[in-house]
Amino acid sequence: MTITIYGAGAIGGVTGAALARAGHDVLLVDRAEDHVAAMNAHGLAIESREGSVTVPVRALTRGALDHELGLVLLAVKSQDTSAALEVLTPRLAEAGAIVSLQNGLNEELIAEKIGAPRTVGCLVNWAADWVAPGRILHGGHGAFVLGELDGRITPRVRELARLLSAVEETPVTDNIWGYKWAKLIYGALLFGTAVVDAHVYEVVERSAGVQAALVGIVGEGMAASDKAGVRLEAFDEFDPTWYRAAVAGDSSACAHAMTAIATHYRAHTKTKTGIWRDLAVRRRKTEVDGQLGVLIRKGEAFGVAMPLMRKLSELIRDLEDGRREMAWENLDPLVALAQGSSR
């Protein structure tokens, strides 16, 4: 069976290269013609702290995709999910499946389009960056968790986990929504680190005020997940237990949560987020609507106030549109809001 990687950027590229190296039949599909041309001509180079490896791969642009698809690993930005599904849905085999390697809750949209039985959820917390056509940086290892949307542990999801273990060790969960929501909420905190041109560890260690703002952002997300009836799962440097204690005023829990993030990013080659890269390097729209926007809409639908996320969303859009530059001062309105809510 051909494994189609739809979106051959950072996450999709590393995944496709690892599967190809493991001997699987892989097809990489991407909208960037220069990236596709480079991969076909020279292979896909994956750079890491351990060195660089170039993997021969087969790549196409979206317009050249004309055959039936069995297994699709979807790795486009959340704002591109609907457009991707317009291409994939009519080509997906009746027994085929789409696995979302995306941030956010894109599985909801995918399942709505192709049906929940053909949709598989996945948490991705390992790091990668697209560097140039045909070149991707693997920035560091992290969690890779797979699960059926209904929580069943099926032969299909076990087989998919074995397949994806060529990329990163891939456990199976009966609570994939708990992981997806947890990553979404943690991702909101990471948006907060991207309003300044600094390493993630520098931001989370900046001051008690900044830490309180970041914890407050997570607290809003957890309030929304509680209302949604989601049991959040811990992974890597994020554990909801620390943040619940920090929101309640436990300073040692706050310090522990921030230290975990700082330690994680110091150990990685990639020390700034993909959000930062979208804003500072690639000068393109971030996934602010597909992540912060989703949390805000869900939280407010449950009656949860989301002032920190709303302000953060405004800051990110200002940066996208050139109305402000990255600076430490961008954190000030978040700090002020957090201090006001704590009084």
C-alpha atoms as a PDB file:
ATOM      1  CA  MET A   1       0.000   0.000   0.000  1.00  0.00           C
ATOM      2  CA  THR A   2       1.212   3.475  -0.857  1.00  0.00           C
ATOM      3  CA  ILE A   3       1.362   5.854   2.102  1.00  0.00           C
ATOM      4  CA  THR A   4       0.453   9.338   0.940  1.00  0.00           C
ATOM      5  CA  ILE A   5       1.922  12.212   2.961  1.00  0.00           C
ATOM      6  CA  TYR A   6      -0.223  15.231   2.151  1.00  0.00           C
ATOM      7  CA  GLY A   7       1.795  18.268   3.158  1.00  0.00           C
ATOM      8  CA  ALA A   8       5.521  17.508   2.927  1.00  0.00           C
ATOM      9  CA  GLY A   9       6.806  20.370   5.053  1.00  0.00           C
ATOM     10  CA  ALA A  10       8.341  20.012   8.506  1.00  0.00           C
ATOM     11  CA  ILE A  11       6.256  17.239  10.095  1.00  0.00           C
ATOM     12  CA  GLY A  12       5.188  15.576   6.858  1.00  0.00           C
ATOM     13  CA  GLY A  13       8.689  15.624   5.447  1.00  0.00           C
ATOM     14  CA  VAL A  14      10.337  14.039   8.478  1.00  0.00           C
ATOM     15  CA  THR A  15       7.554  11.438   8.615  1.00  0.00           C
ATOM     16  CA  GLY A  16       7.803  10.626   4.916  1.00  0.00           C
ATOM     17  CA  ALA A  17      11.580  10.341   4.977  1.00  0.00           C
ATOM     18  CA  ALA A  18      11.541   8.013   7.995  1.00  0.00           C
ATOM     19  CA  LEU A  19       8.899   5.765   6.428  1.00  0.00           C
ATOM     20  CA  ALA A  20      10.777   5.672   3.111  1.00  0.00           C
ATOM     21  CA  ARG A  21      14.002   4.753   4.914  1.00  0.00           C
ATOM     22  CA  ALA A  22      12.089   1.920   6.607  1.00  0.00           C
ATOM     23  CA  GLY A  23      11.234   0.522   3.169  1.00  0.00           C
ATOM     24  CA  HIS A  24       7.630   1.671   2.812  1.00  0.00           C
ATOM     25  CA  ASP A  25       6.109   2.922  -0.440  1.00  0.00           C
ATOM     26  CA  VAL A  26       5.731   6.628   0.249  1.00  0.00           C
ATOM     27  CA  LEU A  27       4.351   9.435  -1.879  1.00  0.00           C
ATOM     28  CA  LEU A  28       4.948  13.018  -0.729  1.00  0.00           C
ATOM     29  CA  VAL A  29       2.447  15.630  -1.919  1.00  0.00           C
ATOM     30  CA  ASP A  30       3.075  19.344  -1.492  1.00  0.00           C
ATOM     31  CA  ARG A  31       1.861  22.602  -3.027  1.00  0.00           C
ATOM     32  CA  ALA A  32       5.358  24.114  -3.249  1.00  0.00           C
ATOM     33  CA  GLU A  33       6.640  23.258  -6.717  1.00  0.00           C
ATOM     34  CA  ASP A  34      10.268  24.070  -5.884  1.00  0.00           C
ATOM     35  CA  HIS A  35      10.139  21.764  -2.860  1.00  0.00           C
ATOM     36  CA  VAL A  36       8.655  18.936  -4.941  1.00  0.00           C
ATOM     37  CA  ALA A  37      11.227  19.464  -7.695  1.00  0.00           C
ATOM     38  CA  ALA A  38      14.114  19.448  -5.196  1.00  0.00           C
ATOM     39  CA  MET A  39      12.898  16.243  -3.535  1.00  0.00           C
ATOM     40  CA  ASN A  40      12.533  14.443  -6.860  1.00  0.00           C
ATOM     41  CA  ALA A  41      15.900  15.638  -8.135  1.00  0.00           C
ATOM     42  CA  HIS A  42      18.080  15.264  -5.056  1.00  0.00           C
ATOM     43  CA  GLY A  43      16.049  13.438  -2.387  1.00  0.00           C
ATOM     44  CA  LEU A  44      14.835  14.857   0.918  1.00  0.00           C
ATOM     45  CA  ALA A  45      17.580  15.964   3.311  1.00  0.00           C
ATOM     46  CA  ILE A  46      16.756  15.632   7.016  1.00  0.00           C
ATOM     47  CA  GLU A  47      19.166  17.572   9.201  1.00  0.00           C
ATOM     48  CA  SER A  48      19.522  16.979  12.935  1.00  0.00           C
ATOM     49  CA  ARG A  49      21.995  17.279  15.784  1.00  0.00           C
ATOM     50  CA  GLU A  50      23.275  13.824  14.829  1.00  0.00           C
ATOM     51  CA  GLY A  51      24.023  14.908  11.254  1.00  0.00           C
ATOM     52  CA  SER A  52      22.250  14.953   7.898  1.00  0.00           C
ATOM     53  CA  VAL A  53      20.751  12.135   5.872  1.00  0.00           C
ATOM     54  CA  THR A  54      19.311  12.399   2.369  1.00  0.00           C
ATOM     55  CA  VAL A  55      16.504  10.006   1.490  1.00  0.00           C
ATOM     56  CA  PRO A  56      15.379   9.292  -2.082  1.00  0.00           C
ATOM     57  CA  VAL A  57      11.640  10.024  -2.247  1.00  0.00           C
ATOM     58  CA  ARG A  58       8.836  10.331  -4.761  1.00  0.00           C
ATOM     59  CA  ALA A  59       6.958  13.627  -4.733  1.00  0.00           C
ATOM     60  CA  LEU A  60       4.047  15.266  -6.543  1.00  0.00           C
ATOM     61  CA  THR A  61       2.229  18.565  -6.508  1.00  0.00           C
ATOM     62  CA  ARG A  62      -1.432  18.464  -5.528  1.00  0.00           C
ATOM     63  CA  GLY A  63      -2.635  18.888  -9.086  1.00  0.00           C
ATOM     64  CA  ALA A  64      -0.853  15.702 -10.177  1.00  0.00           C
ATOM     65  CA  LEU A  65      -2.594  13.541  -7.576  1.00  0.00           C
ATOM     66  CA  ASP A  66      -5.041  11.457  -9.573  1.00  0.00           C
ATOM     67  CA  HIS A  67      -5.195   7.935  -8.106  1.00  0.00           C
ATOM     68  CA  GLU A  68      -7.190   6.278  -5.324  1.00  0.00           C
ATOM     69  CA  LEU A  69      -5.706   6.741  -1.870  1.00  0.00           C
ATOM     70  CA  GLY A  70      -5.613   4.108   0.870  1.00  0.00           C
ATOM     71  CA  LEU A  71      -3.733   5.696   3.778  1.00  0.00           C
ATOM     72  CA  VAL A  72      -3.215   9.449   3.990  1.00  0.00           C
ATOM     73  CA  LEU A  73      -1.091  11.159   6.634  1.00  0.00           C
ATOM     74  CA  LEU A  74      -2.333  14.742   6.648  1.00  0.00           C
ATOM     75  CA  ALA A  75       0.297  17.303   7.662  1.00  0.00           C
ATOM     76  CA  VAL A  76      -0.923  20.667   6.378  1.00  0.00           C
ATOM     77  CA  LYS A  77      -1.508  23.741   8.538  1.00  0.00           C
ATOM     78  CA  SER A  78      -4.943  23.815  10.170  1.00  0.00           C
ATOM     79  CA  GLN A  79      -6.083  26.695   7.952  1.00  0.00           C
ATOM     80  CA  ASP A  80      -5.423  24.501   4.917  1.00  0.00           C
ATOM     81  CA  THR A  81      -7.393  21.480   6.148  1.00  0.00           C
ATOM     82  CA  SER A  82     -10.645  22.277   4.320  1.00  0.00           C
ATOM     83  CA  ALA A  83      -8.849  22.805   1.004  1.00  0.00           C
ATOM     84  CA  ALA A  84      -6.890  19.573   1.496  1.00  0.00           C
ATOM     85  CA  LEU A  85     -10.088  17.632   2.156  1.00  0.00           C
ATOM     86  CA  GLU A  86     -11.573  18.932  -1.092  1.00  0.00           C
ATOM     87  CA  VAL A  87      -8.709  17.185  -2.872  1.00  0.00           C
ATOM     88  CA  LEU A  88      -8.528  14.074  -0.703  1.00  0.00           C
ATOM     89  CA  THR A  89     -12.170  13.171  -0.074  1.00  0.00           C
ATOM     90  CA  PRO A  90     -13.120  12.120  -3.638  1.00  0.00           C
ATOM     91  CA  ARG A  91      -9.877  10.148  -3.956  1.00  0.00           C
ATOM     92  CA  LEU A  92      -9.991   8.318  -0.612  1.00  0.00           C
ATOM     93  CA  ALA A  93     -10.750   4.598  -0.928  1.00  0.00           C
ATOM     94  CA  GLU A  94     -13.865   3.315   0.811  1.00  0.00           C
ATOM     95  CA  ALA A  95     -11.675   1.428   3.281  1.00  0.00           C
ATOM     96  CA  GLY A  96      -9.098   4.204   3.391  1.00  0.00           C
ATOM     97  CA  ALA A  97      -8.218   6.439   6.327  1.00  0.00           C
ATOM     98  CA  ILE A  98      -6.774   9.858   7.058  1.00  0.00           C
ATOM     99  CA  VAL A  99      -4.464  10.281  10.048  1.00  0.00           C
ATOM    100  CA  SER A 100      -4.114  13.897  11.151  1.00  0.00           C
ATOM    101  CA  LEU A 101      -0.529  14.811  12.061  1.00  0.00           C
ATOM    102  CA  GLN A 102      -1.707  18.351  12.790  1.00  0.00           C
ATOM    103  CA  ASN A 103      -2.033  20.642  15.745  1.00  0.00           C
ATOM    104  CA  GLY A 104      -5.524  21.672  16.766  1.00  0.00           C
ATOM    105  CA  LEU A 105      -8.711  19.630  16.621  1.00  0.00           C
ATOM    106  CA  ASN A 106      -8.722  19.064  12.883  1.00  0.00           C
ATOM    107  CA  GLU A 107     -10.023  15.541  13.404  1.00  0.00           C
ATOM    108  CA  GLU A 108     -13.441  17.103  13.994  1.00  0.00           C
ATOM    109  CA  LEU A 109     -13.426  18.656  10.526  1.00  0.00           C
ATOM    110  CA  ILE A 110     -11.971  15.561   8.878  1.00  0.00           C
ATOM    111  CA  ALA A 111     -14.545  13.267  10.475  1.00  0.00           C
ATOM    112  CA  GLU A 112     -17.335  15.604   9.426  1.00  0.00           C
ATOM    113  CA  LYS A 113     -16.125  15.359   5.821  1.00  0.00           C
ATOM    114  CA  ILE A 114     -15.189  11.673   5.462  1.00  0.00           C
ATOM    115  CA  GLY A 115     -16.776  10.067   8.539  1.00  0.00           C
ATOM    116  CA  ALA A 116     -15.332   9.274  11.951  1.00  0.00           C
ATOM    117  CA  PRO A 117     -14.624   5.603  11.058  1.00  0.00           C
ATOM    118  CA  ARG A 118     -12.123   6.757   8.416  1.00  0.00           C
ATOM    119  CA  THR A 119     -10.446   9.327  10.687  1.00  0.00           C
ATOM    120  CA  VAL A 120      -7.583   8.618  13.104  1.00  0.00           C
ATOM    121  CA  GLY A 121      -6.244  11.089  15.663  1.00  0.00           C
ATOM    122  CA  CYS A 122      -2.613  11.705  16.469  1.00  0.00           C
ATOM    123  CA  LEU A 123      -0.605  13.800  18.906  1.00  0.00           C
ATOM    124  CA  VAL A 124       2.677  15.120  17.492  1.00  0.00           C
ATOM    125  CA  ASN A 125       5.063  16.771  19.956  1.00  0.00           C
ATOM    126  CA  TRP A 126       8.397  16.183  18.265  1.00  0.00           C
ATOM    127  CA  ALA A 127       9.971  19.155  16.543  1.00  0.00           C
ATOM    128  CA  ALA A 128      10.775  19.974  12.931  1.00  0.00           C
ATOM    129  CA  ASP A 129      11.230  23.006  10.669  1.00  0.00           C
ATOM    130  CA  TRP A 130      11.154  23.418   6.907  1.00  0.00           C
ATOM    131  CA  VAL A 131      14.501  25.023   6.023  1.00  0.00           C
ATOM    132  CA  ALA A 132      14.588  25.218   2.220  1.00  0.00           C
ATOM    133  CA  PRO A 133      13.341  23.232  -0.806  1.00  0.00           C
ATOM    134  CA  GLY A 134      14.338  19.645  -0.169  1.00  0.00           C
ATOM    135  CA  ARG A 135      15.735  20.390   3.325  1.00  0.00           C
ATOM    136  CA  ILE A 136      14.079  19.907   6.724  1.00  0.00           C
ATOM    137  CA  LEU A 137      15.446  20.246  10.247  1.00  0.00           C
ATOM    138  CA  HIS A 138      14.476  17.563  12.752  1.00  0.00           C
ATOM    139  CA  GLY A 139      14.569  19.718  15.878  1.00  0.00           C
ATOM    140  CA  GLY A 140      14.153  17.149  18.633  1.00  0.00           C
ATOM    141  CA  HIS A 141      12.272  14.088  19.827  1.00  0.00           C
ATOM    142  CA  GLY A 142       8.916  14.074  21.585  1.00  0.00           C
ATOM    143  CA  ALA A 143       5.600  12.338  22.065  1.00  0.00           C
ATOM    144  CA  PHE A 144       3.848  10.657  19.137  1.00  0.00           C
ATOM    145  CA  VAL A 145       0.520   9.113  20.204  1.00  0.00           C
ATOM    146  CA  LEU A 146      -2.178   7.513  18.055  1.00  0.00           C
ATOM    147  CA  GLY A 147      -5.824   6.768  18.755  1.00  0.00           C
ATOM    148  CA  GLU A 148      -9.247   6.021  17.322  1.00  0.00           C
ATOM    149  CA  LEU A 149     -11.669   8.895  17.816  1.00  0.00           C
ATOM    150  CA  ASP A 150     -14.099   6.693  19.734  1.00  0.00           C
ATOM    151  CA  GLY A 151     -11.394   5.391  22.067  1.00  0.00           C
ATOM    152  CA  ARG A 152     -11.430   1.778  20.860  1.00  0.00           C
ATOM    153  CA  ILE A 153      -8.105  -0.048  20.639  1.00  0.00           C
ATOM    154  CA  THR A 154      -8.523  -1.602  17.199  1.00  0.00           C
ATOM    155  CA  PRO A 155      -6.251  -3.779  15.049  1.00  0.00           C
ATOM    156  CA  ARG A 156      -6.112  -0.854  12.612  1.00  0.00           C
ATOM    157  CA  VAL A 157      -4.747   1.629  15.127  1.00  0.00           C
ATOM    158  CA  ARG A 158      -2.243  -0.919  16.436  1.00  0.00           C
ATOM    159  CA  GLU A 159      -0.992  -1.553  12.897  1.00  0.00           C
ATOM    160  CA  LEU A 160      -0.757   2.177  12.212  1.00  0.00           C
ATOM    161  CA  ALA A 161       1.209   2.630  15.434  1.00  0.00           C
ATOM    162  CA  ARG A 162       3.668  -0.068  14.352  1.00  0.00           C
ATOM    163  CA  LEU A 163       4.024   1.706  11.016  1.00  0.00           C
ATOM    164  CA  LEU A 164       4.610   5.136  12.524  1.00  0.00           C
ATOM    165  CA  SER A 165       7.121   3.812  15.034  1.00  0.00           C
ATOM    166  CA  ALA A 166       9.625   4.132  12.181  1.00  0.00           C
ATOM    167  CA  VAL A 167       9.356   7.862  12.874  1.00  0.00           C
ATOM    168  CA  GLU A 168       9.114   7.934  16.674  1.00  0.00           C
ATOM    169  CA  GLU A 169       7.954   5.412  19.247  1.00  0.00           C
ATOM    170  CA  THR A 170       4.159   5.491  18.892  1.00  0.00           C
ATOM    171  CA  PRO A 171       1.931   4.272  21.728  1.00  0.00           C
ATOM    172  CA  VAL A 172      -1.816   3.806  21.270  1.00  0.00           C
ATOM    173  CA  THR A 173      -4.309   5.576  23.538  1.00  0.00           C
ATOM    174  CA  ASP A 174      -7.985   5.195  24.359  1.00  0.00           C
ATOM    175  CA  ASN A 175      -8.171   8.957  24.977  1.00  0.00           C
ATOM    176  CA  ILE A 176      -6.795  10.681  21.889  1.00  0.00           C
ATOM    177  CA  TRP A 177      -9.049  13.693  22.499  1.00  0.00           C
ATOM    178  CA  GLY A 178      -7.382  14.144  25.889  1.00  0.00           C
ATOM    179  CA  TYR A 179      -4.024  14.404  24.142  1.00  0.00           C
ATOM    180  CA  LYS A 180      -5.290  16.624  21.329  1.00  0.00           C
ATOM    181  CA  TRP A 181      -6.928  19.087  23.719  1.00  0.00           C
ATOM    182  CA  ALA A 182      -3.852  19.072  25.959  1.00  0.00           C
ATOM    183  CA  LYS A 183      -1.564  19.882  23.019  1.00  0.00           C
ATOM    184  CA  LEU A 184      -3.993  22.568  21.852  1.00  0.00           C
ATOM    185  CA  ILE A 185      -3.964  24.206  25.281  1.00  0.00           C
ATOM    186  CA  TYR A 186      -0.184  23.930  25.587  1.00  0.00           C
ATOM    187  CA  GLY A 187       0.052  25.321  22.063  1.00  0.00           C
ATOM    188  CA  ALA A 188      -1.809  28.420  23.263  1.00  0.00           C
ATOM    189  CA  LEU A 189       0.980  28.990  25.801  1.00  0.00           C
ATOM    190  CA  LEU A 190       3.540  28.608  23.000  1.00  0.00           C
ATOM    191  CA  PHE A 191       1.734  31.289  21.007  1.00  0.00           C
ATOM    192  CA  GLY A 192       2.442  33.508  23.982  1.00  0.00           C
ATOM    193  CA  THR A 193       6.188  32.871  23.629  1.00  0.00           C
ATOM    194  CA  ALA A 194       6.133  33.860  19.938  1.00  0.00           C
ATOM    195  CA  VAL A 195       5.299  37.553  20.377  1.00  0.00           C
ATOM    196  CA  VAL A 196       8.979  38.230  21.133  1.00  0.00           C
ATOM    197  CA  ASP A 197      12.094  37.275  19.190  1.00  0.00           C
ATOM    198  CA  ALA A 198      13.594  35.024  21.838  1.00  0.00           C
ATOM    199  CA  HIS A 199      14.160  31.370  22.615  1.00  0.00           C
ATOM    200  CA  VAL A 200      11.205  29.679  24.297  1.00  0.00           C
ATOM    201  CA  TYR A 201      13.240  29.073  27.453  1.00  0.00           C
ATOM    202  CA  GLU A 202      14.076  32.772  27.684  1.00  0.00           C
ATOM    203  CA  VAL A 203      10.394  33.695  27.617  1.00  0.00           C
ATOM    204  CA  VAL A 204       9.218  31.187  30.207  1.00  0.00           C
ATOM    205  CA  GLU A 205      12.052  32.264  32.509  1.00  0.00           C
ATOM    206  CA  ARG A 206      11.531  36.000  31.926  1.00  0.00           C
ATOM    207  CA  SER A 207       9.661  37.023  35.076  1.00  0.00           C
ATOM    208  CA  ALA A 208       6.985  35.996  37.547  1.00  0.00           C
ATOM    209  CA  GLY A 209       4.530  38.220  35.699  1.00  0.00           C
ATOM    210  CA  VAL A 210       5.160  36.538  32.356  1.00  0.00           C
ATOM    211  CA  GLN A 211       4.904  33.119  33.968  1.00  0.00           C
ATOM    212  CA  ALA A 212       1.571  34.067  35.544  1.00  0.00           C
ATOM    213  CA  ALA A 213       0.285  35.179  32.146  1.00  0.00           C
ATOM    214  CA  LEU A 214       1.350  31.922  30.493  1.00  0.00           C
ATOM    215  CA  VAL A 215      -0.225  29.888  33.288  1.00  0.00           C
ATOM    216  CA  GLY A 216      -3.367  31.991  32.954  1.00  0.00           C
ATOM    217  CA  ILE A 217      -3.588  31.199  29.239  1.00  0.00           C
ATOM    218  CA  VAL A 218      -3.407  27.487  30.044  1.00  0.00           C
ATOM    219  CA  GLY A 219      -5.966  27.965  32.823  1.00  0.00           C
ATOM    220  CA  GLU A 220      -8.496  29.378  30.368  1.00  0.00           C
ATOM    221  CA  GLY A 221      -7.958  26.410  28.066  1.00  0.00           C
ATOM    222  CA  MET A 222      -8.344  23.927  30.909  1.00  0.00           C
ATOM    223  CA  ALA A 223     -11.584  25.593  31.991  1.00  0.00           C
ATOM    224  CA  ALA A 224     -12.897  25.071  28.460  1.00  0.00           C
ATOM    225  CA  SER A 225     -11.783  21.427  28.365  1.00  0.00           C
ATOM    226  CA  ASP A 226     -13.426  20.793  31.743  1.00  0.00           C
ATOM    227  CA  LYS A 227     -16.713  22.163  30.396  1.00  0.00           C
ATOM    228  CA  ALA A 228     -16.303  19.964  27.310  1.00  0.00           C
ATOM    229  CA  GLY A 229     -15.886  16.902  29.531  1.00  0.00           C
ATOM    230  CA  VAL A 230     -12.387  16.157  28.238  1.00  0.00           C
ATOM    231  CA  ARG A 231      -9.880  14.377  30.477  1.00  0.00           C
ATOM    232  CA  LEU A 232      -6.578  16.018  29.631  1.00  0.00           C
ATOM    233  CA  GLU A 233      -3.482  13.838  29.262  1.00  0.00           C
ATOM    234  CA  ALA A 234       0.090  14.705  30.195  1.00  0.00           C
ATOM    235  CA  PHE A 235       2.913  14.424  27.666  1.00  0.00           C
ATOM    236  CA  ASP A 236       6.586  15.368  27.597  1.00  0.00           C
ATOM    237  CA  GLU A 237       7.003  18.843  29.132  1.00  0.00           C
ATOM    238  CA  PHE A 238       3.282  19.477  29.704  1.00  0.00           C
ATOM    239  CA  ASP A 239       1.297  18.125  32.638  1.00  0.00           C
ATOM    240  CA  PRO A 240      -2.135  19.653  33.367  1.00  0.00           C
ATOM    241  CA  THR A 241      -1.725  18.818  37.073  1.00  0.00           C
ATOM    242  CA  TRP A 242       1.059  21.382  37.447  1.00  0.00           C
ATOM    243  CA  TYR A 243      -1.042  24.105  35.831  1.00  0.00           C
ATOM    244  CA  ARG A 244      -4.144  23.389  37.899  1.00  0.00           C
ATOM    245  CA  ALA A 245      -2.037  23.850  41.013  1.00  0.00           C
ATOM    246  CA  ALA A 246      -0.369  26.952  39.582  1.00  0.00           C
ATOM    247  CA  VAL A 247      -3.727  28.527  38.694  1.00  0.00           C
ATOM    248  CA  ALA A 248      -4.776  27.911  42.300  1.00  0.00           C
ATOM    249  CA  GLY A 249      -1.761  29.907  43.497  1.00  0.00           C
ATOM    250  CA  ASP A 250       0.911  27.242  44.029  1.00  0.00           C
ATOM    251  CA  SER A 251       4.139  29.058  43.122  1.00  0.00           C
ATOM    252  CA  SER A 252       6.239  25.886  43.249  1.00  0.00           C
ATOM    253  CA  ALA A 253       3.925  24.224  40.714  1.00  0.00           C
ATOM    254  CA  CYS A 254       4.246  27.260  38.448  1.00  0.00           C
ATOM    255  CA  ALA A 255       8.039  27.109  38.708  1.00  0.00           C
ATOM    256  CA  HIS A 256       7.989  23.386  37.971  1.00  0.00           C
ATOM    257  CA  ALA A 257       5.827  23.880  34.868  1.00  0.00           C
ATOM    258  CA  MET A 258       8.052  26.630  33.476  1.00  0.00           C
ATOM    259  CA  THR A 259      11.253  24.729  34.251  1.00  0.00           C
ATOM    260  CA  ALA A 260       9.923  21.689  32.387  1.00  0.00           C
ATOM    261  CA  ILE A 261       9.390  23.790  29.266  1.00  0.00           C
ATOM    262  CA  ALA A 262      12.774  25.492  29.548  1.00  0.00           C
ATOM    263  CA  THR A 263      14.569  22.180  30.018  1.00  0.00           C
ATOM    264  CA  HIS A 264      12.746  20.655  27.052  1.00  0.00           C
ATOM    265  CA  TYR A 265      13.657  23.465  24.666  1.00  0.00           C
ATOM    266  CA  ARG A 266      17.248  23.748  25.842  1.00  0.00           C
ATOM    267  CA  ALA A 267      17.712  20.097  24.894  1.00  0.00           C
ATOM    268  CA  HIS A 268      16.388  20.652  21.353  1.00  0.00           C
ATOM    269  CA  THR A 269      18.024  21.967  18.223  1.00  0.00           C
ATOM    270  CA  LYS A 270      14.782  23.828  17.582  1.00  0.00           C
ATOM    271  CA  THR A 271      14.570  26.391  20.386  1.00  0.00           C
ATOM    272  CA  LYS A 272      11.853  28.606  18.918  1.00  0.00           C
ATOM    273  CA  THR A 273       8.375  27.562  17.859  1.00  0.00           C
ATOM    274  CA  GLY A 274       6.922  27.071  14.416  1.00  0.00           C
ATOM    275  CA  ILE A 275       4.665  30.010  15.280  1.00  0.00           C
ATOM    276  CA  TRP A 276       7.718  32.233  15.721  1.00  0.00           C
ATOM    277  CA  ARG A 277       9.119  30.916  12.426  1.00  0.00           C
ATOM    278  CA  ASP A 278       5.900  31.682  10.549  1.00  0.00           C
ATOM    279  CA  LEU A 279       6.012  35.257  11.835  1.00  0.00           C
ATOM    280  CA  ALA A 280       9.728  36.069  11.819  1.00  0.00           C
ATOM    281  CA  VAL A 281      11.172  33.951   9.002  1.00  0.00           C
ATOM    282  CA  ARG A 282       8.493  32.846   6.572  1.00  0.00           C
ATOM    283  CA  ARG A 283       6.369  35.975   6.990  1.00  0.00           C
ATOM    284  CA  ARG A 284       3.099  34.112   6.643  1.00  0.00           C
ATOM    285  CA  LYS A 285      -0.101  33.559   8.557  1.00  0.00           C
ATOM    286  CA  THR A 286       0.102  31.407  11.656  1.00  0.00           C
ATOM    287  CA  GLU A 287      -2.425  28.834  12.845  1.00  0.00           C
ATOM    288  CA  VAL A 288      -3.917  31.382  15.241  1.00  0.00           C
ATOM    289  CA  ASP A 289      -7.490  30.751  14.124  1.00  0.00           C
ATOM    290  CA  GLY A 290      -7.134  26.961  14.018  1.00  0.00           C
ATOM    291  CA  GLN A 291      -5.715  26.891  17.545  1.00  0.00           C
ATOM    292  CA  LEU A 292      -6.423  29.967  19.666  1.00  0.00           C
ATOM    293  CA  GLY A 293      -9.581  30.692  17.685  1.00  0.00           C
ATOM    294  CA  VAL A 294     -10.905  27.178  18.227  1.00  0.00           C
ATOM    295  CA  LEU A 295     -10.260  27.364  21.976  1.00  0.00           C
ATOM    296  CA  ILE A 296     -11.865  30.792  22.256  1.00  0.00           C
ATOM    297  CA  ARG A 297     -14.985  29.714  20.372  1.00  0.00           C
ATOM    298  CA  LYS A 298     -15.348  26.501  22.327  1.00  0.00           C
ATOM    299  CA  GLY A 299     -14.664  28.129  25.685  1.00  0.00           C
ATOM    300  CA  GLU A 300     -17.040  31.032  25.173  1.00  0.00           C
ATOM    301  CA  ALA A 301     -19.751  28.662  23.913  1.00  0.00           C
ATOM    302  CA  PHE A 302     -19.515  27.028  27.354  1.00  0.00           C
ATOM    303  CA  GLY A 303     -19.613  30.390  29.093  1.00  0.00           C
ATOM    304  CA  VAL A 304     -15.888  30.458  29.912  1.00  0.00           C
ATOM    305  CA  ALA A 305     -14.289  33.911  29.788  1.00  0.00           C
ATOM    306  CA  MET A 306     -11.157  33.904  27.592  1.00  0.00           C
ATOM    307  CA  PRO A 307      -9.645  37.399  27.964  1.00  0.00           C
ATOM    308  CA  LEU A 308      -5.999  36.298  27.831  1.00  0.00           C
ATOM    309  CA  MET A 309      -6.516  34.194  24.713  1.00  0.00           C
ATOM    310  CA  ARG A 310      -8.488  36.976  23.062  1.00  0.00           C
ATOM    311  CA  LYS A 311      -5.702  39.489  23.727  1.00  0.00           C
ATOM    312  CA  LEU A 312      -3.048  37.014  22.606  1.00  0.00           C
ATOM    313  CA  SER A 313      -4.977  36.373  19.398  1.00  0.00           C
ATOM    314  CA  GLU A 314      -5.063  40.136  18.767  1.00  0.00           C
ATOM    315  CA  LEU A 315      -1.312  40.387  19.326  1.00  0.00           C
ATOM    316  CA  ILE A 316      -0.583  37.562  16.899  1.00  0.00           C
ATOM    317  CA  ARG A 317      -2.794  39.100  14.215  1.00  0.00           C
ATOM    318  CA  ASP A 318      -1.064  42.449  14.720  1.00  0.00           C
ATOM    319  CA  LEU A 319       2.273  40.723  14.150  1.00  0.00           C
ATOM    320  CA  GLU A 320       0.959  38.898  11.075  1.00  0.00           C
ATOM    321  CA  ASP A 321      -0.316  42.126   9.536  1.00  0.00           C
ATOM    322  CA  GLY A 322       2.722  44.237  10.390  1.00  0.00           C
ATOM    323  CA  ARG A 323       0.971  46.481  12.899  1.00  0.00           C
ATOM    324  CA  ARG A 324       3.564  45.639  15.541  1.00  0.00           C
ATOM    325  CA  GLU A 325       7.045  44.159  15.746  1.00  0.00           C
ATOM    326  CA  MET A 326       8.259  41.358  17.978  1.00  0.00           C
ATOM    327  CA  ALA A 327       9.285  42.837  21.323  1.00  0.00           C
ATOM    328  CA  TRP A 328       9.239  42.054  25.022  1.00  0.00           C
ATOM    329  CA  GLU A 329       6.683  44.844  25.448  1.00  0.00           C
ATOM    330  CA  ASN A 330       4.145  42.683  23.596  1.00  0.00           C
ATOM    331  CA  LEU A 331       3.884  40.590  26.735  1.00  0.00           C
ATOM    332  CA  ASP A 332       2.873  43.561  28.881  1.00  0.00           C
ATOM    333  CA  PRO A 333      -0.887  43.513  28.120  1.00  0.00           C
ATOM    334  CA  LEU A 334      -0.985  39.777  28.895  1.00  0.00           C
ATOM    335  CA  VAL A 335       0.834  40.333  32.197  1.00  0.00           C
ATOM    336  CA  ALA A 336      -1.560  43.164  33.067  1.00  0.00           C
ATOM    337  CA  LEU A 337      -4.599  41.011  32.334  1.00  0.00           C
ATOM    338  CA  ALA A 338      -3.205  38.130  34.412  1.00  0.00           C
ATOM    339  CA  GLN A 339      -2.462  40.430  37.332  1.00  0.00           C
ATOM    340  CA  GLY A 340      -5.953  41.887  37.138  1.00  0.00           C
ATOM    341  CA  SER A 341      -7.597  38.471  37.212  1.00  0.00           C
ATOM    342  CA  SER A 342      -5.546  37.422  40.245  1.00  0.00           C
ATOM    343  CA  ARG A 343      -6.721  40.350  42.379  1.00  0.00           C
END
